[in-house]
Amino acid sequence: MELKHGFDSNYRYILVAARRARQLQSGARPLIETDTKKACRIAEQEVKAEKVAWFIPEPKAAPVPDPEPKDDE
């Protein structure tokens, strides 16, 4: 399977399209003009037309614990 334009993996493409399809099924209006009524097809067309914004969040850095003070004995 060929990698979709603008995506780092086909898995991410599917996740973005699926999330958008769920939004459409919940009542969101389509971002493009289309003849189809199927949410999955509309979402696929929207992603292909680059109308759906997505990003990869940066992981939060784990806090570094302060070193315990050493006893001077």
N, C-alpha and C. Protein backbone atom coordinates (compact mmCIF):
# COMPACT_ATOMS: atom_id res chain seq x y z
N MET A 1 0.85 -1.18 0.00
CA MET A 1 0.00 0.00 0.00
C MET A 1 0.90 1.24 0.00
N GLU A 2 0.56 2.18 -0.82
CA GLU A 2 1.34 3.41 -0.95
C GLU A 2 1.05 4.36 0.20
N LEU A 3 2.08 5.04 0.67
CA LEU A 3 1.95 6.00 1.76
C LEU A 3 1.18 7.23 1.27
N LYS A 4 0.16 7.64 2.00
CA LYS A 4 -0.65 8.80 1.63
C LYS A 4 0.14 10.08 1.79
N HIS A 5 -0.08 11.03 0.92
CA HIS A 5 0.65 12.30 0.93
C HIS A 5 0.42 13.06 2.24
N GLY A 6 1.51 13.48 2.88
CA GLY A 6 1.42 14.29 4.08
C GLY A 6 1.34 13.50 5.38
N PHE A 7 1.31 12.18 5.31
CA PHE A 7 1.20 11.36 6.50
C PHE A 7 2.48 10.57 6.71
N ASP A 8 2.82 10.36 7.98
CA ASP A 8 4.02 9.60 8.30
C ASP A 8 3.77 8.09 8.23
N SER A 9 2.49 7.68 8.26
CA SER A 9 2.14 6.26 8.12
C SER A 9 0.69 6.15 7.65
N ASN A 10 0.38 5.04 7.03
CA ASN A 10 -0.99 4.80 6.59
C ASN A 10 -1.91 4.60 7.78
N TYR A 11 -1.37 4.11 8.87
CA TYR A 11 -2.16 3.93 10.09
C TYR A 11 -2.67 5.28 10.58
N ARG A 12 -1.80 6.30 10.57
CA ARG A 12 -2.21 7.64 11.01
C ARG A 12 -3.29 8.21 10.07
N TYR A 13 -3.16 7.94 8.78
CA TYR A 13 -4.17 8.38 7.81
C TYR A 13 -5.53 7.78 8.17
N ILE A 14 -5.56 6.50 8.49
CA ILE A 14 -6.81 5.83 8.86
C ILE A 14 -7.37 6.42 10.15
N LEU A 15 -6.50 6.70 11.13
CA LEU A 15 -6.97 7.28 12.39
C LEU A 15 -7.60 8.66 12.16
N VAL A 16 -6.97 9.48 11.34
CA VAL A 16 -7.49 10.83 11.07
C VAL A 16 -8.83 10.74 10.35
N ALA A 17 -8.91 9.90 9.32
CA ALA A 17 -10.15 9.76 8.56
C ALA A 17 -11.27 9.17 9.43
N ALA A 18 -10.94 8.21 10.29
CA ALA A 18 -11.95 7.59 11.16
C ALA A 18 -12.49 8.60 12.17
N ARG A 19 -11.60 9.40 12.74
CA ARG A 19 -12.05 10.41 13.71
C ARG A 19 -12.95 11.44 13.03
N ARG A 20 -12.59 11.84 11.82
CA ARG A 20 -13.42 12.79 11.08
C ARG A 20 -14.77 12.16 10.72
N ALA A 21 -14.78 10.89 10.35
CA ALA A 21 -16.03 10.21 10.02
C ALA A 21 -16.95 10.17 11.24
N ARG A 22 -16.38 9.94 12.43
CA ARG A 22 -17.19 9.96 13.65
C ARG A 22 -17.79 11.34 13.90
N GLN A 23 -17.02 12.38 13.61
CA GLN A 23 -17.54 13.74 13.76
C GLN A 23 -18.71 13.97 12.81
N LEU A 24 -18.57 13.49 11.58
CA LEU A 24 -19.65 13.64 10.59
C LEU A 24 -20.90 12.87 11.02
N GLN A 25 -20.71 11.68 11.56
CA GLN A 25 -21.84 10.89 12.01
C GLN A 25 -22.53 11.53 13.20
N SER A 26 -21.79 12.33 13.95
CA SER A 26 -22.36 13.01 15.13
C SER A 26 -23.01 14.34 14.77
N GLY A 27 -23.01 14.70 13.50
CA GLY A 27 -23.71 15.89 13.08
C GLY A 27 -22.86 17.02 12.53
N ALA A 28 -21.54 16.85 12.45
CA ALA A 28 -20.69 17.90 11.88
C ALA A 28 -20.99 18.05 10.39
N ARG A 29 -20.87 19.26 9.91
CA ARG A 29 -21.14 19.51 8.49
C ARG A 29 -19.90 19.18 7.66
N PRO A 30 -20.09 18.63 6.46
CA PRO A 30 -18.95 18.34 5.58
C PRO A 30 -18.20 19.62 5.20
N LEU A 31 -16.90 19.50 5.03
CA LEU A 31 -16.07 20.64 4.66
C LEU A 31 -15.92 20.79 3.15
N ILE A 32 -16.45 19.83 2.40
CA ILE A 32 -16.38 19.86 0.95
C ILE A 32 -17.75 19.56 0.36
N GLU A 33 -17.93 19.92 -0.89
CA GLU A 33 -19.15 19.57 -1.62
C GLU A 33 -18.96 18.16 -2.17
N THR A 34 -19.94 17.29 -1.93
CA THR A 34 -19.86 15.92 -2.40
C THR A 34 -21.26 15.37 -2.65
N ASP A 35 -21.33 14.35 -3.48
CA ASP A 35 -22.61 13.72 -3.80
C ASP A 35 -22.93 12.57 -2.85
N THR A 36 -21.92 12.05 -2.18
CA THR A 36 -22.12 10.88 -1.32
C THR A 36 -22.68 11.29 0.04
N LYS A 37 -23.35 10.37 0.68
CA LYS A 37 -23.91 10.59 2.01
C LYS A 37 -23.15 9.79 3.07
N LYS A 38 -22.23 8.93 2.65
CA LYS A 38 -21.51 8.06 3.58
C LYS A 38 -20.40 8.85 4.28
N ALA A 39 -20.40 8.78 5.61
CA ALA A 39 -19.45 9.54 6.42
C ALA A 39 -18.01 9.14 6.13
N CYS A 40 -17.75 7.86 5.95
CA CYS A 40 -16.38 7.40 5.70
C CYS A 40 -15.85 7.94 4.37
N ARG A 41 -16.69 7.94 3.36
CA ARG A 41 -16.27 8.43 2.04
C ARG A 41 -16.05 9.95 2.08
N ILE A 42 -16.93 10.67 2.77
CA ILE A 42 -16.78 12.12 2.90
C ILE A 42 -15.48 12.43 3.65
N ALA A 43 -15.23 11.72 4.74
CA ALA A 43 -14.01 11.94 5.52
C ALA A 43 -12.77 11.67 4.68
N GLU A 44 -12.79 10.60 3.90
CA GLU A 44 -11.67 10.28 3.03
C GLU A 44 -11.42 11.40 2.01
N GLN A 45 -12.49 11.93 1.43
CA GLN A 45 -12.36 13.01 0.46
C GLN A 45 -11.85 14.30 1.12
N GLU A 46 -12.31 14.57 2.33
CA GLU A 46 -11.85 15.76 3.05
C GLU A 46 -10.37 15.68 3.38
N VAL A 47 -9.93 14.51 3.81
CA VAL A 47 -8.50 14.33 4.13
C VAL A 47 -7.67 14.46 2.86
N LYS A 48 -8.15 13.87 1.78
CA LYS A 48 -7.44 13.95 0.50
C LYS A 48 -7.35 15.38 -0.01
N ALA A 49 -8.39 16.19 0.24
CA ALA A 49 -8.41 17.60 -0.17
C ALA A 49 -7.67 18.50 0.82
N GLU A 50 -7.08 17.90 1.86
CA GLU A 50 -6.33 18.62 2.90
C GLU A 50 -7.19 19.66 3.63
N LYS A 51 -8.45 19.31 3.87
CA LYS A 51 -9.38 20.18 4.60
C LYS A 51 -9.42 19.84 6.09
N VAL A 52 -8.85 18.70 6.46
CA VAL A 52 -8.86 18.26 7.85
C VAL A 52 -7.48 18.52 8.44
N ALA A 53 -7.43 19.36 9.46
CA ALA A 53 -6.17 19.67 10.12
C ALA A 53 -5.85 18.59 11.15
N TRP A 54 -4.60 18.19 11.22
CA TRP A 54 -4.17 17.21 12.21
C TRP A 54 -2.72 17.50 12.56
N PHE A 55 -2.31 17.03 13.74
CA PHE A 55 -0.92 17.19 14.14
C PHE A 55 -0.56 16.07 15.11
N ILE A 56 0.71 15.87 15.28
CA ILE A 56 1.21 14.87 16.22
C ILE A 56 1.65 15.64 17.46
N PRO A 57 0.99 15.42 18.59
CA PRO A 57 1.38 16.16 19.80
C PRO A 57 2.75 15.73 20.29
N GLU A 58 3.50 16.70 20.80
CA GLU A 58 4.81 16.41 21.36
C GLU A 58 4.62 15.74 22.72
N PRO A 59 5.34 14.67 22.98
CA PRO A 59 5.20 14.03 24.29
C PRO A 59 5.73 14.95 25.39
N LYS A 60 5.03 14.93 26.51
CA LYS A 60 5.46 15.74 27.64
C LYS A 60 6.67 15.08 28.29
N ALA A 61 7.63 15.90 28.63
CA ALA A 61 8.83 15.38 29.28
C ALA A 61 8.49 15.01 30.72
N ALA A 62 9.01 13.89 31.14
CA ALA A 62 8.79 13.45 32.52
C ALA A 62 9.59 14.36 33.45
N PRO A 63 9.00 14.75 34.57
CA PRO A 63 9.75 15.61 35.48
C PRO A 63 10.96 14.87 36.05
N VAL A 64 12.06 15.60 36.14
CA VAL A 64 13.29 15.02 36.67
C VAL A 64 13.31 15.29 38.17
N PRO A 65 13.41 14.23 38.97
CA PRO A 65 13.40 14.45 40.42
C PRO A 65 14.70 15.15 40.86
N ASP A 66 14.56 16.00 41.86
CA ASP A 66 15.72 16.68 42.42
C ASP A 66 16.58 15.66 43.15
N PRO A 67 17.89 15.73 42.98
CA PRO A 67 18.74 14.80 43.73
C PRO A 67 18.65 15.09 45.22
N GLU A 68 18.66 14.04 45.99
CA GLU A 68 18.58 14.20 47.44
C GLU A 68 19.91 14.73 47.95
N PRO A 69 19.86 15.64 48.93
CA PRO A 69 21.12 16.17 49.46
C PRO A 69 21.90 15.06 50.17
N LYS A 70 23.20 15.09 49.97
CA LYS A 70 24.05 14.09 50.60
C LYS A 70 24.46 14.56 51.98
N ASP A 71 24.50 13.62 52.89
CA ASP A 71 24.94 13.94 54.24
C ASP A 71 26.46 14.05 54.25
N ASP A 72 26.97 15.11 54.83
CA ASP A 72 28.42 15.28 54.95
C ASP A 72 28.87 14.69 56.28
N GLU A 73 29.23 13.45 56.31
CA GLU A 73 29.68 12.81 57.55
C GLU A 73 31.07 12.31 57.41
